[in-house]
Amino acid sequence: MEVNNANAFYHLAGFYEDGVMGMPLDFAKANELYLRAGELGCAEAYYNLGNSYLNGEGVEVDKKKAKHYWELAAMNGDVFARHNLGCDELEAGNIGRAMKHFILAARARHKKSLDNVKVGFKNGLVTKDEYANTLRAYQYQQDEMKSDSRDKARAHINDGVISV
């Protein structure tokens, strides 16, 4: 933390949020640390801060601030924040904007967003080309995560315990 490591701030915030690792449960402190981590470039921290504003954890419920922090997280590559922005736009009746967020998140391997794009396609809100391109990008990302090493590691897992 002394060298302004975003991940250090992020993890310490999580300890306060969960009240673990010797830290007291303190949402306000967690949010303070998430903000600092976000300022240092941690997209997930901004995502969590947005969720805090949505749920009123350590702060007053404020949907505008939640959206603001999700936007910052999404701009830094957080797909969960991108999905939440899609949900927020859908709730506001901005279907086109919602579908754009879902398409971006789906192309980055977010399954729920892909499901929403599929629904959008079935309802004529997403073109055939957009849906096909999104499916291809989603599949490409899935394939990129596959490897022999991962398959071997998965094969050694038995009831949540890794065999040696």
Foldseek 3Di string as FASTA:
>chain_A
DVVLALVVLQVVLVCCCVVDPVHGNANLSSLVSLVSSVVSQALVSLQVNLVCLCVVRNHDNDNVSSLVSLVSSVVSPDLVSLQVNLVVCVVVVNNLSSLVSLLVSLLQQDVVSLVVNVVCVVVVNADPVSNVVSVVSNVVNVVVPDDPVVVVQVVQADPNDGDD
